[in-house]
């Protein structure tokens, strides 16, 4: 599996997410090498020196330390802004800033699952190529034009990432098609539908995200929808 361009394919996203959950993550994933100094329990940094690319993979909630990571979910449930004060969030920001400083000039891809979806949503900006969120925990999120959401229709955690009114809207049909990818619920089990394994149901060759070395700049439109802010740049879709 060779990772090319700025987009990622489902098996690649799954590969990085699986590594993010491993305390002793693989030191090599294809042409990507694990930066052990920048990586931590909650996220992993993989670097492709030849392609000058960096993938930051942020994992979801874990059960280590007597399940204290669930406390971060409770904080987010009550106050999304307060979540930014948690050790979990600050650990992620430290990894992100450290990577940006160490690998200045490289292309960045951010990959997240579940709880870390809110982290990547906050970190996502024009400084990175793409931001991928699988079944993300979103609430009143500001969705960027380089942010790609993948979710199972049977997933409970990411339900707020897909307001029904938005799905039926014809306001931004291209955004819906390219930035919000739905995977049909095959099991009826919310636990199974939340796992990264659901990515196996997508076409292995499907490219998700912006690719290429040059992106056309444009004036992005901003619209409001049920508490969501959509920053959509149509010429980049």
Protein backbone atom coordinates (compact mmCIF):
# COMPACT_ATOMS: atom_id res chain seq x y z
CA UNK A 1 0.00 0.00 0.00
CA UNK A 2 1.65 3.22 -1.19
CA UNK A 3 0.31 6.53 0.02
CA UNK A 4 0.37 9.17 -2.69
CA UNK A 5 -0.90 12.71 -3.09
CA UNK A 6 -2.83 14.61 -0.47
CA UNK A 7 -5.83 12.29 -0.16
CA UNK A 8 -6.14 9.04 1.79
CA UNK A 9 -8.00 5.82 1.05
CA UNK A 10 -10.17 3.92 3.57
CA UNK A 11 -7.55 1.19 4.26
CA UNK A 12 -4.95 3.90 4.90
CA UNK A 13 -7.18 5.80 7.31
CA UNK A 14 -7.94 2.54 9.13
CA UNK A 15 -4.24 1.66 9.25
CA UNK A 16 -3.30 4.92 10.98
CA UNK A 17 -6.28 4.78 13.35
CA UNK A 18 -5.45 1.24 14.43
CA UNK A 19 -1.89 2.33 15.14
CA UNK A 20 -3.15 5.26 17.21
CA UNK A 21 -4.74 2.83 19.68
CA UNK A 22 -1.61 0.75 20.17
CA UNK A 23 0.62 1.64 23.10
CA UNK A 24 3.50 0.03 21.20
CA UNK A 25 2.55 1.23 17.74
CA UNK A 26 4.32 -0.11 14.63
CA UNK A 27 7.54 1.78 13.99
CA UNK A 28 6.91 1.55 10.26
CA UNK A 29 3.69 1.84 8.23
CA UNK A 30 4.56 1.57 4.54
CA UNK A 31 6.84 4.55 3.85
CA UNK A 32 5.91 6.25 7.13
CA UNK A 33 8.12 6.09 10.22
CA UNK A 34 6.81 6.56 13.74
CA UNK A 35 8.19 9.61 15.53
CA UNK A 36 8.44 8.08 18.98
CA UNK A 37 9.44 11.34 20.67
CA UNK A 38 6.36 13.23 19.54
CA UNK A 39 3.89 10.34 19.80
CA UNK A 40 2.02 9.57 23.01
CA UNK A 41 -0.68 7.33 24.46
CA UNK A 42 -3.47 9.25 22.72
CA UNK A 43 -1.89 10.01 19.36
CA UNK A 44 0.80 8.91 16.95
CA UNK A 45 2.97 10.88 14.54
CA UNK A 46 4.04 9.16 11.31
CA UNK A 47 6.49 10.80 8.92
CA UNK A 48 7.31 10.15 5.27
CA UNK A 49 10.63 11.88 4.77
CA UNK A 50 10.74 11.19 1.04
CA UNK A 51 7.31 12.67 0.35
CA UNK A 52 7.68 15.33 3.07
CA UNK A 53 4.37 14.30 4.61
CA UNK A 54 3.23 13.87 8.19
CA UNK A 55 0.16 12.00 9.42
CA UNK A 56 -1.09 12.73 12.93
CA UNK A 57 -3.44 9.98 14.12
CA UNK A 58 -5.58 10.67 17.18
CA UNK A 59 -7.40 7.78 18.86
CA UNK A 60 -10.76 7.65 20.56
CA UNK A 61 -11.58 6.88 24.19
CA UNK A 62 -9.52 4.20 25.92
CA UNK A 63 -10.01 2.10 29.05
CA UNK A 64 -6.53 2.48 30.58
CA UNK A 65 -6.03 4.14 33.98
CA UNK A 66 -9.35 2.78 35.25
CA UNK A 67 -11.21 4.35 32.36
CA UNK A 68 -10.45 7.94 33.36
CA UNK A 69 -10.47 8.93 29.68
CA UNK A 70 -14.26 8.73 29.88
CA UNK A 71 -14.20 11.76 32.16
CA UNK A 72 -13.09 13.81 29.15
CA UNK A 73 -16.23 12.67 27.33
CA UNK A 74 -18.35 13.86 30.24
CA UNK A 75 -16.65 17.25 30.19
CA UNK A 76 -17.34 17.57 26.46
CA UNK A 77 -20.97 16.51 26.92
CA UNK A 78 -21.57 19.31 29.41
CA UNK A 79 -19.36 22.02 27.91
CA UNK A 80 -17.51 21.81 24.59
CA UNK A 81 -15.37 24.84 25.47
CA UNK A 82 -14.34 23.33 28.82
CA UNK A 83 -13.05 20.29 26.94
CA UNK A 84 -10.19 22.44 25.67
CA UNK A 85 -8.93 22.66 29.25
CA UNK A 86 -8.64 18.88 29.69
CA UNK A 87 -5.23 17.12 29.79
CA UNK A 88 -6.43 14.99 26.84
CA UNK A 89 -6.94 18.01 24.61
CA UNK A 90 -3.75 19.75 25.71
CA UNK A 91 -1.72 16.60 25.08
CA UNK A 92 -3.03 16.57 21.52
CA UNK A 93 -2.26 20.26 21.00
CA UNK A 94 1.27 19.72 22.29
CA UNK A 95 1.79 16.87 19.82
CA UNK A 96 0.36 18.97 16.99
CA UNK A 97 2.46 22.05 17.76
CA UNK A 98 5.59 19.97 18.23
CA UNK A 99 5.07 18.28 14.88
CA UNK A 100 4.40 21.55 13.09
CA UNK A 101 7.60 23.01 14.50
CA UNK A 102 9.77 19.96 13.82
CA UNK A 103 8.43 19.29 10.33
CA UNK A 104 7.99 22.81 9.06
CA UNK A 105 7.25 22.84 5.33
CA UNK A 106 5.82 19.29 5.30
CA UNK A 107 2.25 18.45 4.30
CA UNK A 108 0.05 17.41 7.20
CA UNK A 109 -2.91 15.04 7.38
CA UNK A 110 -4.94 14.75 10.61
CA UNK A 111 -6.83 11.51 11.26
CA UNK A 112 -9.23 11.00 14.15
CA UNK A 113 -11.81 8.66 15.64
CA UNK A 114 -14.66 9.26 18.07
CA UNK A 115 -13.61 11.56 20.96
CA UNK A 116 -10.59 12.84 19.06
CA UNK A 117 -12.91 14.08 16.32
CA UNK A 118 -13.54 17.20 18.38
CA UNK A 119 -9.77 17.63 18.80
CA UNK A 120 -9.08 17.49 15.08
CA UNK A 121 -12.08 19.71 14.40
CA UNK A 122 -10.43 22.37 16.57
CA UNK A 123 -6.96 21.84 15.08
CA UNK A 124 -8.13 21.72 11.47
CA UNK A 125 -7.10 24.80 9.48
CA UNK A 126 -5.48 25.80 6.20
CA UNK A 127 -2.15 24.78 7.74
CA UNK A 128 -2.99 21.14 7.04
CA UNK A 129 -3.90 19.36 3.82
CA UNK A 130 -6.83 17.31 5.11
CA UNK A 131 -8.64 16.52 8.35
CA UNK A 132 -10.39 13.15 8.58
CA UNK A 133 -12.90 12.25 11.31
CA UNK A 134 -14.41 8.77 11.65
CA UNK A 135 -17.61 8.69 13.71
CA UNK A 136 -16.62 11.96 15.42
CA UNK A 137 -18.06 13.37 18.62
CA UNK A 138 -19.22 16.76 17.33
CA UNK A 139 -21.49 19.32 18.92
CA UNK A 140 -22.19 22.71 17.30
CA UNK A 141 -19.01 22.23 15.29
CA UNK A 142 -17.56 24.65 12.76
CA UNK A 143 -16.94 22.45 9.73
CA UNK A 144 -13.98 23.43 7.55
CA UNK A 145 -13.74 22.97 3.80
CA UNK A 146 -10.79 20.56 4.21
CA UNK A 147 -12.59 18.48 6.86
CA UNK A 148 -13.95 15.07 5.86
CA UNK A 149 -16.43 13.18 8.02
CA UNK A 150 -16.99 9.44 7.67
CA UNK A 151 -19.73 7.86 9.75
CA UNK A 152 -21.95 4.84 10.02
CA UNK A 153 -25.66 5.56 9.82
CA UNK A 154 -25.96 3.38 12.92
CA UNK A 155 -23.40 5.26 14.99
CA UNK A 156 -24.77 7.12 18.00
CA UNK A 157 -21.69 9.17 18.90
CA UNK A 158 -21.51 11.01 15.57
CA UNK A 159 -25.23 11.55 15.20
CA UNK A 160 -24.93 15.31 15.77
CA UNK A 161 -22.44 15.52 12.90
CA UNK A 162 -25.26 14.92 10.44
CA UNK A 163 -28.38 17.04 11.01
CA UNK A 164 -31.26 15.61 8.96
CA UNK A 165 -32.13 19.03 7.64
CA UNK A 166 -28.63 19.37 6.24
CA UNK A 167 -28.78 16.01 4.47
CA UNK A 168 -31.92 17.03 2.66
CA UNK A 169 -30.57 20.43 1.76
CA UNK A 170 -29.61 21.31 -1.80
CA UNK A 171 -27.67 24.31 -0.63
CA UNK A 172 -24.28 22.57 -0.81
CA UNK A 173 -24.80 19.25 -2.63
CA UNK A 174 -21.08 18.89 -3.44
CA UNK A 175 -20.13 19.40 0.19
CA UNK A 176 -22.54 16.66 1.22
CA UNK A 177 -21.19 14.24 -1.36
CA UNK A 178 -17.49 14.80 -0.86
CA UNK A 179 -17.20 15.83 2.75
CA UNK A 180 -19.83 13.76 4.53
CA UNK A 181 -19.45 10.06 3.71
CA UNK A 182 -22.07 7.68 5.05
CA UNK A 183 -21.57 3.96 5.60
CA UNK A 184 -24.72 1.85 5.82
CA UNK A 185 -25.45 0.20 9.16
CA UNK A 186 -24.95 -3.52 8.54
CA UNK A 187 -25.19 -4.90 12.09
CA UNK A 188 -27.66 -2.81 14.08
CA UNK A 189 -25.09 -2.90 16.88
CA UNK A 190 -24.02 0.64 17.91
CA UNK A 191 -20.75 -0.64 19.37
CA UNK A 192 -19.77 -2.45 16.18
CA UNK A 193 -20.88 0.48 14.03
CA UNK A 194 -18.58 2.79 15.99
CA UNK A 195 -15.40 0.81 15.33
CA UNK A 196 -12.79 1.70 12.63
CA UNK A 197 -13.52 -1.69 11.03
CA UNK A 198 -16.55 -0.17 9.29
CA UNK A 199 -14.08 1.41 6.85
CA UNK A 200 -13.78 -2.06 5.27
CA UNK A 201 -17.23 -1.47 3.74
CA UNK A 202 -15.94 1.36 1.56
CA UNK A 203 -14.19 0.92 -1.76
CA UNK A 204 -10.49 0.36 -1.00
CA UNK A 205 -9.54 2.66 -3.88
CA UNK A 206 -11.86 5.51 -2.92
CA UNK A 207 -9.83 8.71 -2.49
CA UNK A 208 -10.97 10.96 0.35
CA UNK A 209 -9.66 14.49 0.80
CA UNK A 210 -7.87 17.09 -1.26
CA UNK A 211 -4.99 15.85 -3.37
CA UNK A 212 -2.24 17.36 -5.47
CA UNK A 213 0.46 19.87 -4.67
CA UNK A 214 -1.47 23.03 -5.53
CA UNK A 215 -4.83 24.22 -4.24
CA UNK A 216 -6.80 27.01 -5.82
CA UNK A 217 -7.55 29.78 -3.38
CA UNK A 218 -11.01 31.22 -3.29
CA UNK A 219 -13.37 33.20 -1.16
CA UNK A 220 -15.17 30.76 1.10
CA UNK A 221 -18.84 31.10 1.83
CA UNK A 222 -20.15 30.85 5.39
CA UNK A 223 -23.67 29.74 6.24
CA UNK A 224 -25.46 28.85 9.47
CA UNK A 225 -27.46 25.65 10.00
CA UNK A 226 -28.87 24.52 13.32
CA UNK A 227 -25.96 25.90 15.29
CA UNK A 228 -23.36 24.70 12.79
CA UNK A 229 -21.08 26.99 10.83
CA UNK A 230 -20.21 25.67 7.38
CA UNK A 231 -17.05 27.17 5.88
CA UNK A 232 -17.29 25.87 2.34
CA UNK A 233 -15.02 26.75 -0.55
CA UNK A 234 -16.80 25.37 -3.60
CA UNK A 235 -13.87 25.62 -6.01
CA UNK A 236 -11.88 23.17 -3.87
CA UNK A 237 -14.45 20.41 -3.85
